[in-house]
Amino acid sequence: MTDIPLTTQRPAHRDDRLAHALIFIPCFAVLFSVAILGQAVGLHWRRWLPGAENMNNVFAGVKAAVYTLMSHII
């Protein structure tokens, strides 16, 4: 029988968290401004942002959209 090596996930290091924050924060700011602008004008902004279709409020919708966008980037 052949040995199958077990791969373990490495714990999140400080550099990983910093990189995550450096991607998340600007994306959140841009998408949040798009959502607020759409909300102010009266447009249906949830259709513009992937992942935000079924969210109840602006913050949850933008957060879902950022995580969806980050999954495509990384």
PDB file of N, CA and C in Angstrom:
ATOM      1  N   MET A   1       0.847  -1.166   0.000  1.00  0.00           N
ATOM      2  CA  MET A   1       0.000   0.000   0.000  1.00  0.00           C
ATOM      3  C   MET A   1       0.899   1.237   0.000  1.00  0.00           C
ATOM      4  N   THR A   2       0.552   2.222  -0.786  1.00  0.00           N
ATOM      5  CA  THR A   2       1.370   3.426  -0.843  1.00  0.00           C
ATOM      6  C   THR A   2       0.927   4.407   0.219  1.00  0.00           C
ATOM      7  N   ASP A   3       1.899   5.118   0.724  1.00  0.00           N
ATOM      8  CA  ASP A   3       1.600   6.135   1.727  1.00  0.00           C
ATOM      9  C   ASP A   3       1.145   7.407   1.033  1.00  0.00           C
ATOM     10  N   ILE A   4       0.052   7.924   1.498  1.00  0.00           N
ATOM     11  CA  ILE A   4      -0.467   9.181   0.971  1.00  0.00           C
ATOM     12  C   ILE A   4      -0.098  10.267   1.974  1.00  0.00           C
ATOM     13  N   PRO A   5       0.696  11.231   1.548  1.00  0.00           N
ATOM     14  CA  PRO A   5       1.085  12.278   2.496  1.00  0.00           C
ATOM     15  C   PRO A   5      -0.119  13.150   2.848  1.00  0.00           C
ATOM     16  N   LEU A   6      -0.221  13.456   4.099  1.00  0.00           N
ATOM     17  CA  LEU A   6      -1.292  14.324   4.564  1.00  0.00           C
ATOM     18  C   LEU A   6      -0.827  15.765   4.446  1.00  0.00           C
ATOM     19  N   THR A   7      -1.624  16.564   3.805  1.00  0.00           N
ATOM     20  CA  THR A   7      -1.284  17.977   3.713  1.00  0.00           C
ATOM     21  C   THR A   7      -2.058  18.716   4.786  1.00  0.00           C
ATOM     22  N   THR A   8      -1.361  19.491   5.522  1.00  0.00           N
ATOM     23  CA  THR A   8      -2.002  20.278   6.565  1.00  0.00           C
ATOM     24  C   THR A   8      -1.972  21.735   6.156  1.00  0.00           C
ATOM     25  N   GLN A   9      -2.998  22.414   6.553  1.00  0.00           N
ATOM     26  CA  GLN A   9      -3.029  23.837   6.272  1.00  0.00           C
ATOM     27  C   GLN A   9      -2.143  24.540   7.278  1.00  0.00           C
ATOM     28  N   ARG A  10      -1.393  25.473   6.764  1.00  0.00           N
ATOM     29  CA  ARG A  10      -0.541  26.223   7.669  1.00  0.00           C
ATOM     30  C   ARG A  10      -1.373  27.302   8.335  1.00  0.00           C
ATOM     31  N   PRO A  11      -1.039  27.641   9.557  1.00  0.00           N
ATOM     32  CA  PRO A  11      -1.810  28.681  10.237  1.00  0.00           C
ATOM     33  C   PRO A  11      -1.613  30.031   9.553  1.00  0.00           C
ATOM     34  N   ALA A  12      -2.587  30.867   9.700  1.00  0.00           N
ATOM     35  CA  ALA A  12      -2.520  32.194   9.084  1.00  0.00           C
ATOM     36  C   ALA A  12      -1.432  33.006   9.764  1.00  0.00           C
ATOM     37  N   HIS A  13      -0.480  33.423   8.993  1.00  0.00           N
ATOM     38  CA  HIS A  13       0.604  34.224   9.519  1.00  0.00           C
ATOM     39  C   HIS A  13       0.247  35.689   9.425  1.00  0.00           C
ATOM     40  N   ARG A  14       1.067  36.494  10.034  1.00  0.00           N
ATOM     41  CA  ARG A  14       0.827  37.928  10.040  1.00  0.00           C
ATOM     42  C   ARG A  14       0.846  38.484   8.617  1.00  0.00           C
ATOM     43  N   ASP A  15       1.744  37.989   7.781  1.00  0.00           N
ATOM     44  CA  ASP A  15       1.821  38.456   6.396  1.00  0.00           C
ATOM     45  C   ASP A  15       0.550  38.117   5.623  1.00  0.00           C
ATOM     46  N   ASP A  16      -0.009  36.934   5.885  1.00  0.00           N
ATOM     47  CA  ASP A  16      -1.246  36.545   5.211  1.00  0.00           C
ATOM     48  C   ASP A  16      -2.407  37.441   5.627  1.00  0.00           C
ATOM     49  N   ARG A  17      -2.469  37.741   6.911  1.00  0.00           N
ATOM     50  CA  ARG A  17      -3.540  38.616   7.388  1.00  0.00           C
ATOM     51  C   ARG A  17      -3.379  40.025   6.848  1.00  0.00           C
ATOM     52  N   LEU A  18      -2.133  40.482   6.742  1.00  0.00           N
ATOM     53  CA  LEU A  18      -1.875  41.810   6.205  1.00  0.00           C
ATOM     54  C   LEU A  18      -2.257  41.866   4.726  1.00  0.00           C
ATOM     55  N   ALA A  19      -1.892  40.843   3.974  1.00  0.00           N
ATOM     56  CA  ALA A  19      -2.249  40.791   2.557  1.00  0.00           C
ATOM     57  C   ALA A  19      -3.763  40.737   2.391  1.00  0.00           C
ATOM     58  N   HIS A  20      -4.432  39.969   3.244  1.00  0.00           N
ATOM     59  CA  HIS A  20      -5.895  39.892   3.190  1.00  0.00           C
ATOM     60  C   HIS A  20      -6.500  41.268   3.454  1.00  0.00           C
ATOM     61  N   ALA A  21      -5.991  41.967   4.448  1.00  0.00           N
ATOM     62  CA  ALA A  21      -6.514  43.291   4.775  1.00  0.00           C
ATOM     63  C   ALA A  21      -6.226  44.297   3.663  1.00  0.00           C
ATOM     64  N   LEU A  22      -5.046  44.188   3.042  1.00  0.00           N
ATOM     65  CA  LEU A  22      -4.691  45.123   1.975  1.00  0.00           C
ATOM     66  C   LEU A  22      -5.525  44.900   0.715  1.00  0.00           C
ATOM     67  N   ILE A  23      -6.087  43.741   0.564  1.00  0.00           N
ATOM     68  CA  ILE A  23      -6.991  43.493  -0.554  1.00  0.00           C
ATOM     69  C   ILE A  23      -8.431  43.812  -0.155  1.00  0.00           C
ATOM     70  N   PHE A  24      -8.832  43.400   1.047  1.00  0.00           N
ATOM     71  CA  PHE A  24     -10.217  43.538   1.484  1.00  0.00           C
ATOM     72  C   PHE A  24     -10.625  45.000   1.653  1.00  0.00           C
ATOM     73  N   ILE A  25      -9.810  45.787   2.309  1.00  0.00           N
ATOM     74  CA  ILE A  25     -10.193  47.161   2.653  1.00  0.00           C
ATOM     75  C   ILE A  25     -10.402  48.040   1.415  1.00  0.00           C
ATOM     76  N   PRO A  26      -9.467  48.075   0.453  1.00  0.00           N
ATOM     77  CA  PRO A  26      -9.751  48.902  -0.732  1.00  0.00           C
ATOM     78  C   PRO A  26     -10.941  48.398  -1.554  1.00  0.00           C
ATOM     79  N   CYS A  27     -11.075  47.079  -1.674  1.00  0.00           N
ATOM     80  CA  CYS A  27     -12.221  46.537  -2.404  1.00  0.00           C
ATOM     81  C   CYS A  27     -13.523  46.893  -1.702  1.00  0.00           C
ATOM     82  N   PHE A  28     -13.530  46.805  -0.374  1.00  0.00           N
ATOM     83  CA  PHE A  28     -14.719  47.156   0.383  1.00  0.00           C
ATOM     84  C   PHE A  28     -15.052  48.630   0.193  1.00  0.00           C
ATOM     85  N   ALA A  29     -14.037  49.494   0.226  1.00  0.00           N
ATOM     86  CA  ALA A  29     -14.280  50.928   0.070  1.00  0.00           C
ATOM     87  C   ALA A  29     -14.864  51.248  -1.303  1.00  0.00           C
ATOM     88  N   VAL A  30     -14.321  50.643  -2.346  1.00  0.00           N
ATOM     89  CA  VAL A  30     -14.813  50.910  -3.700  1.00  0.00           C
ATOM     90  C   VAL A  30     -16.239  50.385  -3.871  1.00  0.00           C
ATOM     91  N   LEU A  31     -16.471  49.144  -3.474  1.00  0.00           N
ATOM     92  CA  LEU A  31     -17.807  48.567  -3.647  1.00  0.00           C
ATOM     93  C   LEU A  31     -18.832  49.225  -2.732  1.00  0.00           C
ATOM     94  N   PHE A  32     -18.397  49.659  -1.545  1.00  0.00           N
ATOM     95  CA  PHE A  32     -19.306  50.360  -0.641  1.00  0.00           C
ATOM     96  C   PHE A  32     -19.718  51.696  -1.240  1.00  0.00           C
ATOM     97  N   SER A  33     -18.773  52.396  -1.857  1.00  0.00           N
ATOM     98  CA  SER A  33     -19.130  53.669  -2.476  1.00  0.00           C
ATOM     99  C   SER A  33     -20.081  53.464  -3.653  1.00  0.00           C
ATOM    100  N   VAL A  34     -19.890  52.384  -4.405  1.00  0.00           N
ATOM    101  CA  VAL A  34     -20.811  52.057  -5.503  1.00  0.00           C
ATOM    102  C   VAL A  34     -22.201  51.762  -4.941  1.00  0.00           C
ATOM    103  N   ALA A  35     -22.257  50.997  -3.853  1.00  0.00           N
ATOM    104  CA  ALA A  35     -23.546  50.648  -3.254  1.00  0.00           C
ATOM    105  C   ALA A  35     -24.249  51.879  -2.683  1.00  0.00           C
ATOM    106  N   ILE A  36     -23.507  52.744  -2.014  1.00  0.00           N
ATOM    107  CA  ILE A  36     -24.113  53.952  -1.440  1.00  0.00           C
ATOM    108  C   ILE A  36     -24.596  54.883  -2.552  1.00  0.00           C
ATOM    109  N   LEU A  37     -23.803  55.013  -3.598  1.00  0.00           N
ATOM    110  CA  LEU A  37     -24.219  55.845  -4.727  1.00  0.00           C
ATOM    111  C   LEU A  37     -25.475  55.276  -5.382  1.00  0.00           C
ATOM    112  N   GLY A  38     -25.510  53.976  -5.563  1.00  0.00           N
ATOM    113  CA  GLY A  38     -26.693  53.341  -6.123  1.00  0.00           C
ATOM    114  C   GLY A  38     -27.905  53.482  -5.229  1.00  0.00           C
ATOM    115  N   GLN A  39     -27.681  53.371  -3.936  1.00  0.00           N
ATOM    116  CA  GLN A  39     -28.773  53.531  -2.965  1.00  0.00           C
ATOM    117  C   GLN A  39     -29.304  54.965  -2.991  1.00  0.00           C
ATOM    118  N   ALA A  40     -28.399  55.944  -3.076  1.00  0.00           N
ATOM    119  CA  ALA A  40     -28.799  57.346  -3.076  1.00  0.00           C
ATOM    120  C   ALA A  40     -29.568  57.712  -4.343  1.00  0.00           C
ATOM    121  N   VAL A  41     -29.173  57.136  -5.466  1.00  0.00           N
ATOM    122  CA  VAL A  41     -29.833  57.434  -6.731  1.00  0.00           C
ATOM    123  C   VAL A  41     -31.128  56.644  -6.875  1.00  0.00           C
ATOM    124  N   GLY A  42     -31.256  55.557  -6.151  1.00  0.00           N
ATOM    125  CA  GLY A  42     -32.470  54.751  -6.207  1.00  0.00           C
ATOM    126  C   GLY A  42     -32.386  53.589  -7.160  1.00  0.00           C
ATOM    127  N   LEU A  43     -31.177  53.174  -7.492  1.00  0.00           N
ATOM    128  CA  LEU A  43     -30.991  52.047  -8.402  1.00  0.00           C
ATOM    129  C   LEU A  43     -30.871  50.737  -7.623  1.00  0.00           C
ATOM    130  N   HIS A  44     -31.078  49.650  -8.300  1.00  0.00           N
ATOM    131  CA  HIS A  44     -30.973  48.326  -7.674  1.00  0.00           C
ATOM    132  C   HIS A  44     -29.518  47.862  -7.732  1.00  0.00           C
ATOM    133  N   TRP A  45     -28.718  48.304  -6.791  1.00  0.00           N
ATOM    134  CA  TRP A  45     -27.272  48.053  -6.794  1.00  0.00           C
ATOM    135  C   TRP A  45     -26.937  46.610  -6.460  1.00  0.00           C
ATOM    136  N   ARG A  46     -27.813  45.878  -5.824  1.00  0.00           N
ATOM    137  CA  ARG A  46     -27.499  44.496  -5.437  1.00  0.00           C
ATOM    138  C   ARG A  46     -27.277  43.598  -6.658  1.00  0.00           C
ATOM    139  N   ARG A  47     -27.902  43.932  -7.762  1.00  0.00           N
ATOM    140  CA  ARG A  47     -27.689  43.156  -8.991  1.00  0.00           C
ATOM    141  C   ARG A  47     -26.324  43.426  -9.595  1.00  0.00           C
ATOM    142  N   TRP A  48     -25.726  44.569  -9.288  1.00  0.00           N
ATOM    143  CA  TRP A  48     -24.414  44.910  -9.817  1.00  0.00           C
ATOM    144  C   TRP A  48     -23.300  44.143  -9.121  1.00  0.00           C
ATOM    145  N   LEU A  49     -23.486  43.843  -7.846  1.00  0.00           N
ATOM    146  CA  LEU A  49     -22.423  43.233  -7.048  1.00  0.00           C
ATOM    147  C   LEU A  49     -22.662  41.730  -6.911  1.00  0.00           C
ATOM    148  N   PRO A  50     -21.697  40.922  -7.328  1.00  0.00           N
ATOM    149  CA  PRO A  50     -21.872  39.469  -7.218  1.00  0.00           C
ATOM    150  C   PRO A  50     -21.885  39.026  -5.759  1.00  0.00           C
ATOM    151  N   GLY A  51     -22.833  38.209  -5.393  1.00  0.00           N
ATOM    152  CA  GLY A  51     -22.925  37.706  -4.028  1.00  0.00           C
ATOM    153  C   GLY A  51     -23.801  38.541  -3.123  1.00  0.00           C
ATOM    154  N   ALA A  52     -24.218  39.710  -3.553  1.00  0.00           N
ATOM    155  CA  ALA A  52     -24.987  40.609  -2.699  1.00  0.00           C
ATOM    156  C   ALA A  52     -26.483  40.544  -2.960  1.00  0.00           C
ATOM    157  N   GLU A  53     -26.913  39.639  -3.789  1.00  0.00           N
ATOM    158  CA  GLU A  53     -28.309  39.630  -4.219  1.00  0.00           C
ATOM    159  C   GLU A  53     -29.292  39.390  -3.078  1.00  0.00           C
ATOM    160  N   ASN A  54     -28.966  38.526  -2.141  1.00  0.00           N
ATOM    161  CA  ASN A  54     -29.926  38.144  -1.094  1.00  0.00           C
ATOM    162  C   ASN A  54     -29.605  38.741   0.268  1.00  0.00           C
ATOM    163  N   MET A  55     -28.798  39.758   0.323  1.00  0.00           N
ATOM    164  CA  MET A  55     -28.416  40.346   1.603  1.00  0.00           C
ATOM    165  C   MET A  55     -29.425  41.416   2.020  1.00  0.00           C
ATOM    166  N   ASN A  56     -29.551  41.585   3.343  1.00  0.00           N
ATOM    167  CA  ASN A  56     -30.560  42.488   3.882  1.00  0.00           C
ATOM    168  C   ASN A  56     -30.125  43.944   3.924  1.00  0.00           C
ATOM    169  N   ASN A  57     -28.849  44.195   4.179  1.00  0.00           N
ATOM    170  CA  ASN A  57     -28.408  45.573   4.307  1.00  0.00           C
ATOM    171  C   ASN A  57     -27.174  45.832   3.454  1.00  0.00           C
ATOM    172  N   VAL A  58     -26.760  47.078   3.405  1.00  0.00           N
ATOM    173  CA  VAL A  58     -25.660  47.491   2.545  1.00  0.00           C
ATOM    174  C   VAL A  58     -24.355  46.839   2.971  1.00  0.00           C
ATOM    175  N   PHE A  59     -24.067  46.834   4.278  1.00  0.00           N
ATOM    176  CA  PHE A  59     -22.795  46.285   4.761  1.00  0.00           C
ATOM    177  C   PHE A  59     -22.672  44.794   4.457  1.00  0.00           C
ATOM    178  N   ALA A  60     -23.709  44.052   4.694  1.00  0.00           N
ATOM    179  CA  ALA A  60     -23.674  42.609   4.424  1.00  0.00           C
ATOM    180  C   ALA A  60     -23.550  42.340   2.926  1.00  0.00           C
ATOM    181  N   GLY A  61     -24.234  43.121   2.129  1.00  0.00           N
ATOM    182  CA  GLY A  61     -24.161  42.949   0.684  1.00  0.00           C
ATOM    183  C   GLY A  61     -22.778  43.262   0.138  1.00  0.00           C
ATOM    184  N   VAL A  62     -22.184  44.343   0.629  1.00  0.00           N
ATOM    185  CA  VAL A  62     -20.847  44.717   0.169  1.00  0.00           C
ATOM    186  C   VAL A  62     -19.813  43.708   0.657  1.00  0.00           C
ATOM    187  N   LYS A  63     -19.959  43.252   1.883  1.00  0.00           N
ATOM    188  CA  LYS A  63     -19.024  42.251   2.417  1.00  0.00           C
ATOM    189  C   LYS A  63     -19.092  40.962   1.600  1.00  0.00           C
ATOM    190  N   ALA A  64     -20.286  40.519   1.261  1.00  0.00           N
ATOM    191  CA  ALA A  64     -20.436  39.320   0.442  1.00  0.00           C
ATOM    192  C   ALA A  64     -19.845  39.532  -0.945  1.00  0.00           C
ATOM    193  N   ALA A  65     -20.034  40.708  -1.498  1.00  0.00           N
ATOM    194  CA  ALA A  65     -19.482  41.001  -2.818  1.00  0.00           C
ATOM    195  C   ALA A  65     -17.959  41.035  -2.789  1.00  0.00           C
ATOM    196  N   VAL A  66     -17.384  41.587  -1.722  1.00  0.00           N
ATOM    197  CA  VAL A  66     -15.923  41.638  -1.613  1.00  0.00           C
ATOM    198  C   VAL A  66     -15.349  40.234  -1.499  1.00  0.00           C
ATOM    199  N   TYR A  67     -15.953  39.386  -0.678  1.00  0.00           N
ATOM    200  CA  TYR A  67     -15.455  38.017  -0.558  1.00  0.00           C
ATOM    201  C   TYR A  67     -15.610  37.240  -1.869  1.00  0.00           C
ATOM    202  N   THR A  68     -16.679  37.509  -2.610  1.00  0.00           N
ATOM    203  CA  THR A  68     -16.842  36.867  -3.907  1.00  0.00           C
ATOM    204  C   THR A  68     -15.765  37.353  -4.872  1.00  0.00           C
ATOM    205  N   LEU A  69     -15.515  38.652  -4.866  1.00  0.00           N
ATOM    206  CA  LEU A  69     -14.469  39.211  -5.716  1.00  0.00           C
ATOM    207  C   LEU A  69     -13.094  38.678  -5.333  1.00  0.00           C
ATOM    208  N   MET A  70     -12.823  38.581  -4.036  1.00  0.00           N
ATOM    209  CA  MET A  70     -11.523  38.085  -3.583  1.00  0.00           C
ATOM    210  C   MET A  70     -11.313  36.630  -3.949  1.00  0.00           C
ATOM    211  N   SER A  71     -12.374  35.845  -3.997  1.00  0.00           N
ATOM    212  CA  SER A  71     -12.213  34.448  -4.394  1.00  0.00           C
ATOM    213  C   SER A  71     -11.821  34.327  -5.860  1.00  0.00           C
ATOM    214  N   HIS A  72     -12.184  35.320  -6.657  1.00  0.00           N
ATOM    215  CA  HIS A  72     -11.781  35.319  -8.073  1.00  0.00           C
ATOM    216  C   HIS A  72     -10.371  35.871  -8.246  1.00  0.00           C
ATOM    217  N   ILE A  73      -9.959  36.759  -7.365  1.00  0.00           N
ATOM    218  CA  ILE A  73      -8.628  37.377  -7.475  1.00  0.00           C
ATOM    219  C   ILE A  73      -7.544  36.441  -6.994  1.00  0.00           C
ATOM    220  N   ILE A  74      -7.747  35.846  -5.850  1.00  0.00           N
ATOM    221  CA  ILE A  74      -6.690  35.044  -5.205  1.00  0.00           C
ATOM    222  C   ILE A  74      -6.687  33.646  -5.715  1.00  0.00           C
TER     223      ILE A  74
END
